[in-house]
């Protein structure tokens, strides 16, 4: 079972106080939008030494790595494989959401 997901930059907050650091960092907030997630925002800290025109690209690269780590951690904790989850979903599918495929 896969759900369409969009990831957009919600905002870039420049020169923010990052806990544990003396110098300011840029904080890039990513909005993760998916039917099954409500208001998920992931902050990524970017050091100000990165060129200004690369802040968003660097933040996306850091985000990609963090999401891979999160997926790996979730998979390691799971007692079901993705195929087993999909098979179970097919037996207990709730009614479809209007405008979205099953």
N, C-alpha and C. Protein backbone atom coordinates (compact mmCIF):
# COMPACT_ATOMS: atom_id res chain seq x y z
N UNK A 1 0.85 -1.16 0.00
CA UNK A 1 0.00 0.00 0.00
C UNK A 1 0.90 1.22 0.00
N UNK A 2 0.75 2.04 -1.02
CA UNK A 2 1.55 3.25 -1.16
C UNK A 2 0.61 4.43 -1.32
N UNK A 3 0.98 5.52 -0.72
CA UNK A 3 0.18 6.74 -0.79
C UNK A 3 1.01 7.83 -1.46
N UNK A 4 0.39 8.59 -2.37
CA UNK A 4 1.14 9.70 -2.98
C UNK A 4 1.59 10.70 -1.92
N UNK A 5 2.83 11.14 -2.04
CA UNK A 5 3.40 12.06 -1.07
C UNK A 5 4.03 13.23 -1.79
N UNK A 6 3.85 14.43 -1.24
CA UNK A 6 4.56 15.60 -1.76
C UNK A 6 5.35 16.20 -0.61
N UNK A 7 6.54 16.67 -0.96
CA UNK A 7 7.41 17.33 0.01
C UNK A 7 7.73 18.70 -0.54
N UNK A 8 7.36 19.71 0.23
CA UNK A 8 7.62 21.09 -0.20
C UNK A 8 8.33 21.84 0.92
N UNK A 9 9.03 22.87 0.53
CA UNK A 9 9.67 23.72 1.54
C UNK A 9 8.61 24.67 2.07
N UNK A 10 8.35 24.55 3.36
CA UNK A 10 7.36 25.42 3.99
C UNK A 10 7.95 26.82 4.21
N UNK A 11 9.18 26.84 4.68
CA UNK A 11 9.84 28.12 4.92
C UNK A 11 11.33 27.90 5.20
N UNK A 12 12.09 28.95 5.02
CA UNK A 12 13.51 28.95 5.39
C UNK A 12 13.69 30.06 6.42
N UNK A 13 14.08 29.68 7.62
CA UNK A 13 14.32 30.63 8.70
C UNK A 13 15.83 30.81 8.82
N UNK A 14 16.28 31.99 8.51
CA UNK A 14 17.72 32.25 8.51
C UNK A 14 18.21 32.71 9.89
N UNK A 15 19.46 32.35 10.18
CA UNK A 15 20.15 32.80 11.38
C UNK A 15 19.37 32.50 12.66
N UNK A 16 19.03 31.24 12.84
CA UNK A 16 18.27 30.80 14.00
C UNK A 16 19.20 30.21 15.05
N UNK A 17 18.83 30.33 16.30
CA UNK A 17 19.58 29.75 17.40
C UNK A 17 19.34 28.24 17.39
N UNK A 18 20.40 27.47 17.18
CA UNK A 18 20.29 26.01 17.20
C UNK A 18 20.78 25.52 18.55
N UNK A 19 19.96 24.76 19.26
CA UNK A 19 20.36 24.26 20.57
C UNK A 19 21.68 23.50 20.50
N UNK A 20 22.58 23.84 21.42
CA UNK A 20 23.87 23.18 21.50
C UNK A 20 24.96 23.81 20.66
N UNK A 21 24.63 24.85 19.92
CA UNK A 21 25.61 25.52 19.07
C UNK A 21 25.64 27.01 19.40
N UNK A 22 26.80 27.62 19.28
CA UNK A 22 26.92 29.04 19.59
C UNK A 22 26.60 29.92 18.39
N UNK A 23 26.89 29.42 17.20
CA UNK A 23 26.62 30.23 16.01
C UNK A 23 25.23 29.93 15.45
N UNK A 24 24.65 30.88 14.73
CA UNK A 24 23.32 30.65 14.16
C UNK A 24 23.38 29.71 12.95
N UNK A 25 22.30 29.02 12.72
CA UNK A 25 22.12 28.12 11.57
C UNK A 25 20.87 28.56 10.82
N UNK A 26 20.75 28.10 9.58
CA UNK A 26 19.50 28.27 8.84
C UNK A 26 18.65 27.03 9.14
N UNK A 27 17.36 27.25 9.32
CA UNK A 27 16.44 26.15 9.60
C UNK A 27 15.45 26.08 8.45
N UNK A 28 15.50 24.97 7.70
CA UNK A 28 14.61 24.77 6.57
C UNK A 28 13.49 23.83 7.03
N UNK A 29 12.25 24.28 6.89
CA UNK A 29 11.11 23.48 7.30
C UNK A 29 10.45 22.87 6.07
N UNK A 30 10.38 21.55 6.04
CA UNK A 30 9.75 20.83 4.95
C UNK A 30 8.36 20.37 5.38
N UNK A 31 7.37 20.60 4.54
CA UNK A 31 6.01 20.11 4.78
C UNK A 31 5.85 18.80 4.01
N UNK A 32 5.47 17.75 4.73
CA UNK A 32 5.22 16.45 4.13
C UNK A 32 3.71 16.30 4.04
N UNK A 33 3.21 16.18 2.82
CA UNK A 33 1.77 16.09 2.61
C UNK A 33 1.40 14.72 2.05
N UNK A 34 0.48 14.09 2.76
CA UNK A 34 -0.01 12.77 2.38
C UNK A 34 -1.36 12.59 3.05
N UNK A 35 -2.24 11.84 2.42
CA UNK A 35 -3.59 11.66 2.97
C UNK A 35 -3.59 11.12 4.39
N UNK A 36 -2.61 10.28 4.74
CA UNK A 36 -2.62 9.65 6.05
C UNK A 36 -1.82 10.40 7.10
N UNK A 37 -1.19 11.52 6.71
CA UNK A 37 -0.40 12.31 7.65
C UNK A 37 -1.06 13.68 7.84
N UNK A 38 -1.16 14.10 9.06
CA UNK A 38 -1.72 15.42 9.35
C UNK A 38 -0.63 16.38 9.79
N UNK A 39 -0.37 17.38 8.98
CA UNK A 39 0.51 18.46 9.37
C UNK A 39 1.91 18.07 9.77
N UNK A 40 2.56 17.19 9.00
CA UNK A 40 3.92 16.78 9.33
C UNK A 40 4.91 17.78 8.75
N UNK A 41 5.72 18.37 9.64
CA UNK A 41 6.77 19.30 9.24
C UNK A 41 8.08 18.79 9.80
N UNK A 42 9.10 18.72 8.94
CA UNK A 42 10.41 18.24 9.37
C UNK A 42 11.42 19.38 9.23
N UNK A 43 12.06 19.75 10.34
CA UNK A 43 13.09 20.80 10.27
C UNK A 43 14.46 20.20 9.93
N UNK A 44 15.19 20.88 9.09
CA UNK A 44 16.56 20.49 8.75
C UNK A 44 17.44 21.71 8.97
N UNK A 45 18.49 21.53 9.76
CA UNK A 45 19.44 22.60 10.04
C UNK A 45 20.53 22.62 8.99
N UNK A 46 20.85 23.80 8.48
CA UNK A 46 21.90 23.97 7.47
C UNK A 46 22.88 25.02 7.98
N UNK A 47 24.16 24.66 7.99
CA UNK A 47 25.19 25.59 8.44
C UNK A 47 25.29 26.77 7.49
N UNK A 48 25.47 27.99 8.01
CA UNK A 48 25.52 29.16 7.15
C UNK A 48 26.75 29.24 6.25
N UNK A 49 27.71 28.33 6.42
CA UNK A 49 28.87 28.31 5.53
C UNK A 49 28.51 27.86 4.12
N UNK A 50 27.37 27.16 3.99
CA UNK A 50 26.93 26.76 2.65
C UNK A 50 26.54 28.01 1.87
N UNK A 51 26.83 28.05 0.56
CA UNK A 51 26.43 29.21 -0.25
C UNK A 51 24.92 29.44 -0.18
N UNK A 52 24.55 30.68 -0.13
CA UNK A 52 23.14 31.07 0.00
C UNK A 52 22.25 30.40 -1.07
N UNK A 53 22.74 30.32 -2.29
CA UNK A 53 21.91 29.76 -3.37
C UNK A 53 21.82 28.24 -3.32
N UNK A 54 22.52 27.60 -2.39
CA UNK A 54 22.47 26.14 -2.26
C UNK A 54 21.78 25.67 -0.98
N UNK A 55 21.30 26.58 -0.17
CA UNK A 55 20.68 26.21 1.11
C UNK A 55 19.56 25.19 0.92
N UNK A 56 18.66 25.45 -0.02
CA UNK A 56 17.53 24.53 -0.22
C UNK A 56 18.00 23.18 -0.75
N UNK A 57 18.94 23.17 -1.68
CA UNK A 57 19.45 21.92 -2.23
C UNK A 57 20.16 21.10 -1.15
N UNK A 58 20.95 21.75 -0.33
CA UNK A 58 21.65 21.06 0.76
C UNK A 58 20.63 20.50 1.75
N UNK A 59 19.64 21.29 2.09
CA UNK A 59 18.60 20.83 3.02
C UNK A 59 17.86 19.62 2.46
N UNK A 60 17.55 19.63 1.17
CA UNK A 60 16.88 18.47 0.54
C UNK A 60 17.77 17.23 0.60
N UNK A 61 19.07 17.40 0.38
CA UNK A 61 19.99 16.26 0.46
C UNK A 61 20.03 15.71 1.88
N UNK A 62 20.09 16.59 2.87
CA UNK A 62 20.07 16.14 4.27
C UNK A 62 18.75 15.45 4.59
N UNK A 63 17.64 16.03 4.11
CA UNK A 63 16.31 15.45 4.35
C UNK A 63 16.23 14.04 3.77
N UNK A 64 16.72 13.86 2.56
CA UNK A 64 16.66 12.54 1.92
C UNK A 64 17.37 11.49 2.78
N UNK A 65 18.54 11.84 3.28
CA UNK A 65 19.27 10.92 4.15
C UNK A 65 18.51 10.61 5.43
N UNK A 66 17.91 11.62 6.03
CA UNK A 66 17.15 11.41 7.27
C UNK A 66 15.93 10.52 7.02
N UNK A 67 15.25 10.73 5.88
CA UNK A 67 14.07 9.92 5.58
C UNK A 67 14.46 8.46 5.34
N UNK A 68 15.59 8.22 4.70
CA UNK A 68 16.07 6.85 4.51
C UNK A 68 16.36 6.22 5.87
N UNK A 69 17.00 6.97 6.76
CA UNK A 69 17.28 6.45 8.10
C UNK A 69 15.99 6.14 8.86
N UNK A 70 14.99 7.02 8.74
CA UNK A 70 13.71 6.80 9.42
C UNK A 70 13.01 5.55 8.87
N UNK A 71 13.03 5.40 7.55
CA UNK A 71 12.39 4.24 6.94
C UNK A 71 13.09 2.95 7.37
N UNK A 72 14.42 2.98 7.42
CA UNK A 72 15.17 1.81 7.86
C UNK A 72 14.86 1.46 9.31
N UNK A 73 14.78 2.48 10.15
CA UNK A 73 14.47 2.24 11.56
C UNK A 73 13.06 1.68 11.72
N UNK A 74 12.11 2.22 10.96
CA UNK A 74 10.73 1.72 11.04
C UNK A 74 10.64 0.28 10.55
N UNK A 75 11.35 -0.01 9.46
CA UNK A 75 11.34 -1.36 8.91
C UNK A 75 11.97 -2.35 9.89
N UNK A 76 13.03 -1.93 10.55
CA UNK A 76 13.70 -2.82 11.51
C UNK A 76 12.80 -3.14 12.69
N UNK A 77 11.90 -2.23 13.04
CA UNK A 77 10.99 -2.42 14.16
C UNK A 77 9.72 -3.17 13.77
N UNK A 78 9.45 -3.26 12.46
CA UNK A 78 8.22 -3.86 11.98
C UNK A 78 8.25 -5.38 12.13
N UNK A 79 7.10 -5.93 12.42
CA UNK A 79 6.97 -7.38 12.48
C UNK A 79 6.37 -7.92 11.19
N UNK A 80 6.00 -7.02 10.27
CA UNK A 80 5.40 -7.42 9.00
C UNK A 80 6.22 -6.84 7.85
N UNK A 81 6.34 -7.61 6.79
CA UNK A 81 6.99 -7.10 5.59
C UNK A 81 6.00 -6.21 4.84
N UNK A 82 6.50 -5.36 3.94
CA UNK A 82 5.57 -4.54 3.13
C UNK A 82 4.57 -5.40 2.37
N UNK A 83 4.99 -6.56 1.84
CA UNK A 83 4.07 -7.44 1.12
C UNK A 83 2.99 -8.00 2.04
N UNK A 84 3.37 -8.37 3.27
CA UNK A 84 2.39 -8.86 4.24
C UNK A 84 1.40 -7.77 4.61
N UNK A 85 1.90 -6.54 4.76
CA UNK A 85 1.02 -5.41 5.07
C UNK A 85 0.04 -5.18 3.94
N UNK A 86 0.53 -5.20 2.70
CA UNK A 86 -0.36 -5.02 1.54
C UNK A 86 -1.42 -6.12 1.47
N UNK A 87 -1.01 -7.36 1.72
CA UNK A 87 -1.97 -8.47 1.68
C UNK A 87 -3.04 -8.29 2.75
N UNK A 88 -2.64 -7.88 3.94
CA UNK A 88 -3.60 -7.63 5.01
C UNK A 88 -4.54 -6.48 4.64
N UNK A 89 -3.97 -5.42 4.07
CA UNK A 89 -4.77 -4.26 3.65
C UNK A 89 -5.87 -4.68 2.68
N UNK A 90 -5.56 -5.59 1.78
CA UNK A 90 -6.55 -6.03 0.79
C UNK A 90 -7.72 -6.75 1.45
N UNK A 91 -7.52 -7.31 2.63
CA UNK A 91 -8.61 -8.03 3.31
C UNK A 91 -9.45 -7.12 4.20
N UNK A 92 -8.91 -5.98 4.62
CA UNK A 92 -9.63 -5.12 5.57
C UNK A 92 -9.82 -3.69 5.05
N UNK A 93 -9.65 -3.48 3.75
CA UNK A 93 -9.74 -2.14 3.18
C UNK A 93 -10.99 -1.41 3.65
N UNK A 94 -10.82 -0.19 4.17
CA UNK A 94 -12.00 0.62 4.49
C UNK A 94 -12.58 1.19 3.21
N UNK A 95 -13.77 1.79 3.28
CA UNK A 95 -14.34 2.41 2.09
C UNK A 95 -13.36 3.42 1.50
N UNK A 96 -13.43 3.59 0.20
CA UNK A 96 -12.52 4.51 -0.46
C UNK A 96 -12.82 5.96 -0.07
N UNK A 97 -11.80 6.76 -0.11
CA UNK A 97 -11.95 8.19 0.11
C UNK A 97 -12.32 8.79 -1.24
N UNK A 98 -13.30 9.63 -1.26
CA UNK A 98 -13.77 10.21 -2.51
C UNK A 98 -12.62 10.88 -3.26
N UNK A 99 -12.46 10.50 -4.53
CA UNK A 99 -11.44 11.10 -5.36
C UNK A 99 -10.08 10.44 -5.28
N UNK A 100 -9.93 9.41 -4.44
CA UNK A 100 -8.65 8.73 -4.32
C UNK A 100 -8.82 7.24 -4.63
N UNK A 101 -7.92 6.68 -5.41
CA UNK A 101 -8.03 5.25 -5.72
C UNK A 101 -7.73 4.39 -4.50
N UNK A 102 -8.18 3.15 -4.56
CA UNK A 102 -7.91 2.22 -3.47
C UNK A 102 -6.57 1.56 -3.68
